[in-house]
Amino acid sequence: MEIEQKQEEVIDHYVKQASSLDGSALGPLVAEVTSHPALFAFSDIIAVPNVLQELDVINVRELEDFLINECMYAGIIRGKLDQLRKCFEVQFAGGRDLRPGQLGSMIQTLSNWLDTSSNLLISIQEKMK
């Protein structure tokens, strides 16, 4: 919900700006809006047979369980599963890129993981001696 809230605030800001402009004055604003990193639209319809094949899932029920339990509840995606049309309509998909301000946290997390992995490797090597 945080992403949608931020998008709504940014959109409201640009709508207010656009309401006072007209004609060619809107050009630069449109360019600014379409390049703004917080604004994006994502909608896609994915055919269930394609997903079954790509994920190497045996049946539709298993795919539904995966989409609902592992993806939707985790907030990775949001959408509608249409059993009649045999498709999943994606309404939202979490980005894979870091948002501004997240780099430091990611570096710290990876550094901690590296330290833990190194310590585990040393422990295994000592036990093998």
C-alpha atoms as a PDB file:
ATOM      1  CA  MET A   1       0.000   0.000   0.000  1.00  0.00           C
ATOM      2  CA  GLU A   2       2.905   2.339   0.647  1.00  0.00           C
ATOM      3  CA  ILE A   3       3.841   2.366  -3.043  1.00  0.00           C
ATOM      4  CA  GLU A   4       0.302   3.193  -4.147  1.00  0.00           C
ATOM      5  CA  GLN A   5       0.075   5.991  -1.557  1.00  0.00           C
ATOM      6  CA  LYS A   6       3.319   7.554  -2.804  1.00  0.00           C
ATOM      7  CA  GLN A   7       2.135   7.290  -6.405  1.00  0.00           C
ATOM      8  CA  GLU A   8      -1.167   8.922  -5.515  1.00  0.00           C
ATOM      9  CA  GLU A   9       0.618  11.851  -3.856  1.00  0.00           C
ATOM     10  CA  VAL A  10       2.899  12.357  -6.860  1.00  0.00           C
ATOM     11  CA  ILE A  11      -0.014  12.092  -9.293  1.00  0.00           C
ATOM     12  CA  ASP A  12      -2.031  14.648  -7.308  1.00  0.00           C
ATOM     13  CA  HIS A  13       0.941  17.019  -7.422  1.00  0.00           C
ATOM     14  CA  TYR A  14       1.227  16.727 -11.210  1.00  0.00           C
ATOM     15  CA  VAL A  15      -2.541  17.013 -11.755  1.00  0.00           C
ATOM     16  CA  LYS A  16      -2.539  20.307  -9.844  1.00  0.00           C
ATOM     17  CA  GLN A  17       0.346  21.547 -11.986  1.00  0.00           C
ATOM     18  CA  ALA A  18      -1.333  20.431 -15.208  1.00  0.00           C
ATOM     19  CA  SER A  19      -4.613  22.136 -14.341  1.00  0.00           C
ATOM     20  CA  SER A  20      -2.938  25.530 -14.584  1.00  0.00           C
ATOM     21  CA  LEU A  21      -1.208  24.800 -17.921  1.00  0.00           C
ATOM     22  CA  ASP A  22      -2.417  24.379 -21.478  1.00  0.00           C
ATOM     23  CA  GLY A  23      -1.149  23.716 -24.977  1.00  0.00           C
ATOM     24  CA  SER A  24       2.582  23.526 -25.506  1.00  0.00           C
ATOM     25  CA  ALA A  25       3.237  24.377 -21.853  1.00  0.00           C
ATOM     26  CA  LEU A  26       2.080  20.852 -20.992  1.00  0.00           C
ATOM     27  CA  GLY A  27       4.901  19.244 -23.020  1.00  0.00           C
ATOM     28  CA  PRO A  28       7.682  19.623 -20.444  1.00  0.00           C
ATOM     29  CA  LEU A  29       5.324  18.529 -17.655  1.00  0.00           C
ATOM     30  CA  VAL A  30       4.342  15.390 -19.562  1.00  0.00           C
ATOM     31  CA  ALA A  31       8.036  14.594 -20.095  1.00  0.00           C
ATOM     32  CA  GLU A  32       8.686  15.073 -16.379  1.00  0.00           C
ATOM     33  CA  VAL A  33       5.722  12.912 -15.357  1.00  0.00           C
ATOM     34  CA  THR A  34       6.587  10.044 -17.685  1.00  0.00           C
ATOM     35  CA  SER A  35      10.172   9.930 -16.444  1.00  0.00           C
ATOM     36  CA  HIS A  36       9.339  10.190 -12.727  1.00  0.00           C
ATOM     37  CA  PRO A  37      10.698   7.076 -10.942  1.00  0.00           C
ATOM     38  CA  ALA A  38       7.740   6.757  -8.563  1.00  0.00           C
ATOM     39  CA  LEU A  39       5.182   6.619 -11.348  1.00  0.00           C
ATOM     40  CA  PHE A  40       4.627   3.483 -13.312  1.00  0.00           C
ATOM     41  CA  ALA A  41       1.786   1.392 -14.622  1.00  0.00           C
ATOM     42  CA  PHE A  42       1.916  -2.349 -14.700  1.00  0.00           C
ATOM     43  CA  SER A  43      -0.777  -4.520 -16.115  1.00  0.00           C
ATOM     44  CA  ASP A  44      -0.284  -7.749 -17.909  1.00  0.00           C
ATOM     45  CA  ILE A  45      -2.339 -10.803 -18.657  1.00  0.00           C
ATOM     46  CA  ILE A  46      -0.455 -14.041 -18.319  1.00  0.00           C
ATOM     47  CA  ALA A  47      -1.835 -17.221 -19.844  1.00  0.00           C
ATOM     48  CA  VAL A  48      -2.037 -19.991 -17.251  1.00  0.00           C
ATOM     49  CA  PRO A  49      -0.723 -22.734 -19.594  1.00  0.00           C
ATOM     50  CA  ASN A  50       2.419 -20.642 -20.182  1.00  0.00           C
ATOM     51  CA  VAL A  51       2.942 -20.184 -16.442  1.00  0.00           C
ATOM     52  CA  LEU A  52       2.419 -23.898 -15.801  1.00  0.00           C
ATOM     53  CA  GLN A  53       5.099 -24.721 -18.337  1.00  0.00           C
ATOM     54  CA  GLU A  54       7.591 -22.054 -17.237  1.00  0.00           C
ATOM     55  CA  LEU A  55       7.293 -22.917 -13.542  1.00  0.00           C
ATOM     56  CA  ASP A  56       7.197 -26.646 -14.238  1.00  0.00           C
ATOM     57  CA  VAL A  57       3.965 -26.952 -12.267  1.00  0.00           C
ATOM     58  CA  ILE A  58       1.821 -30.012 -12.846  1.00  0.00           C
ATOM     59  CA  ASN A  59      -1.715 -28.666 -12.417  1.00  0.00           C
ATOM     60  CA  VAL A  60      -3.712 -25.462 -12.120  1.00  0.00           C
ATOM     61  CA  ARG A  61      -4.533 -26.034  -8.433  1.00  0.00           C
ATOM     62  CA  GLU A  62      -0.832 -26.155  -7.564  1.00  0.00           C
ATOM     63  CA  LEU A  63      -0.300 -22.935  -9.531  1.00  0.00           C
ATOM     64  CA  GLU A  64      -3.211 -21.231  -7.759  1.00  0.00           C
ATOM     65  CA  ASP A  65      -1.798 -22.225  -4.359  1.00  0.00           C
ATOM     66  CA  PHE A  66       1.611 -20.872  -5.340  1.00  0.00           C
ATOM     67  CA  LEU A  67       0.238 -17.572  -6.666  1.00  0.00           C
ATOM     68  CA  ILE A  68      -1.968 -16.999  -3.635  1.00  0.00           C
ATOM     69  CA  ASN A  69       0.196 -18.323  -0.795  1.00  0.00           C
ATOM     70  CA  GLU A  70       3.698 -17.514  -1.989  1.00  0.00           C
ATOM     71  CA  CYS A  71       3.193 -14.440  -4.157  1.00  0.00           C
ATOM     72  CA  MET A  72       0.034 -12.558  -3.275  1.00  0.00           C
ATOM     73  CA  TYR A  73       0.150 -12.976   0.516  1.00  0.00           C
ATOM     74  CA  ALA A  74       3.822 -11.964   0.441  1.00  0.00           C
ATOM     75  CA  GLY A  75       2.910  -8.778  -1.430  1.00  0.00           C
ATOM     76  CA  ILE A  76       5.071  -9.636  -4.434  1.00  0.00           C
ATOM     77  CA  ILE A  77       2.168  -9.484  -6.867  1.00  0.00           C
ATOM     78  CA  ARG A  78      -1.478  -8.548  -6.858  1.00  0.00           C
ATOM     79  CA  GLY A  79      -3.968  -9.591  -9.481  1.00  0.00           C
ATOM     80  CA  LYS A  80      -6.964 -11.646 -10.488  1.00  0.00           C
ATOM     81  CA  LEU A  81      -6.984 -15.267 -11.490  1.00  0.00           C
ATOM     82  CA  ASP A  82      -9.602 -15.805 -14.204  1.00  0.00           C
ATOM     83  CA  GLN A  83     -10.397 -19.506 -14.344  1.00  0.00           C
ATOM     84  CA  LEU A  84     -12.763 -19.176 -17.305  1.00  0.00           C
ATOM     85  CA  ARG A  85     -10.226 -17.379 -19.518  1.00  0.00           C
ATOM     86  CA  LYS A  86      -7.361 -19.408 -18.002  1.00  0.00           C
ATOM     87  CA  CYS A  87      -5.261 -16.366 -17.260  1.00  0.00           C
ATOM     88  CA  PHE A  88      -3.857 -14.290 -14.411  1.00  0.00           C
ATOM     89  CA  GLU A  89      -4.280 -10.530 -14.744  1.00  0.00           C
ATOM     90  CA  VAL A  90      -1.409  -8.801 -12.973  1.00  0.00           C
ATOM     91  CA  GLN A  91      -2.441  -5.552 -11.304  1.00  0.00           C
ATOM     92  CA  PHE A  92       0.754  -4.932  -9.376  1.00  0.00           C
ATOM     93  CA  ALA A  93       4.192  -6.510  -9.253  1.00  0.00           C
ATOM     94  CA  GLY A  94       6.835  -5.482  -6.766  1.00  0.00           C
ATOM     95  CA  GLY A  95       9.884  -3.991  -8.380  1.00  0.00           C
ATOM     96  CA  ARG A  96      13.213  -5.738  -8.385  1.00  0.00           C
ATOM     97  CA  ASP A  97      15.165  -2.510  -8.197  1.00  0.00           C
ATOM     98  CA  LEU A  98      16.159  -0.746  -5.019  1.00  0.00           C
ATOM     99  CA  ARG A  99      14.330   2.402  -4.122  1.00  0.00           C
ATOM    100  CA  PRO A 100      16.316   5.496  -3.212  1.00  0.00           C
ATOM    101  CA  GLY A 101      17.754   5.145   0.271  1.00  0.00           C
ATOM    102  CA  GLN A 102      17.746   1.338   0.294  1.00  0.00           C
ATOM    103  CA  LEU A 103      21.290   0.813  -0.982  1.00  0.00           C
ATOM    104  CA  GLY A 104      22.935   1.199   2.436  1.00  0.00           C
ATOM    105  CA  SER A 105      20.601  -1.337   3.993  1.00  0.00           C
ATOM    106  CA  MET A 106      21.203  -3.782   1.141  1.00  0.00           C
ATOM    107  CA  ILE A 107      24.984  -3.406   1.463  1.00  0.00           C
ATOM    108  CA  GLN A 108      24.749  -4.045   5.219  1.00  0.00           C
ATOM    109  CA  THR A 109      22.556  -7.118   4.716  1.00  0.00           C
ATOM    110  CA  LEU A 110      24.929  -8.568   2.125  1.00  0.00           C
ATOM    111  CA  SER A 111      27.942  -7.752   4.293  1.00  0.00           C
ATOM    112  CA  ASN A 112      26.342  -9.587   7.229  1.00  0.00           C
ATOM    113  CA  TRP A 113      25.587 -12.544   4.988  1.00  0.00           C
ATOM    114  CA  LEU A 114      29.195 -12.583   3.760  1.00  0.00           C
ATOM    115  CA  ASP A 115      30.519 -12.530   7.344  1.00  0.00           C
ATOM    116  CA  THR A 116      28.195 -15.353   8.377  1.00  0.00           C
ATOM    117  CA  SER A 117      29.145 -17.409   5.316  1.00  0.00           C
ATOM    118  CA  SER A 118      32.855 -16.850   5.949  1.00  0.00           C
ATOM    119  CA  ASN A 119      32.507 -17.908   9.591  1.00  0.00           C
ATOM    120  CA  LEU A 120      30.565 -20.997   8.565  1.00  0.00           C
ATOM    121  CA  LEU A 121      33.232 -21.919   6.027  1.00  0.00           C
ATOM    122  CA  ILE A 122      35.983 -21.533   8.649  1.00  0.00           C
ATOM    123  CA  SER A 123      33.995 -23.691  11.068  1.00  0.00           C
ATOM    124  CA  ILE A 124      33.521 -26.417   8.458  1.00  0.00           C
ATOM    125  CA  GLN A 125      37.211 -26.333   7.530  1.00  0.00           C
ATOM    126  CA  GLU A 126      38.236 -26.661  11.196  1.00  0.00           C
ATOM    127  CA  LYS A 127      35.947 -29.649  11.688  1.00  0.00           C
ATOM    128  CA  MET A 128      37.421 -31.340   8.618  1.00  0.00           C
ATOM    129  CA  LYS A 129      40.958 -31.203  10.088  1.00  0.00           C
END
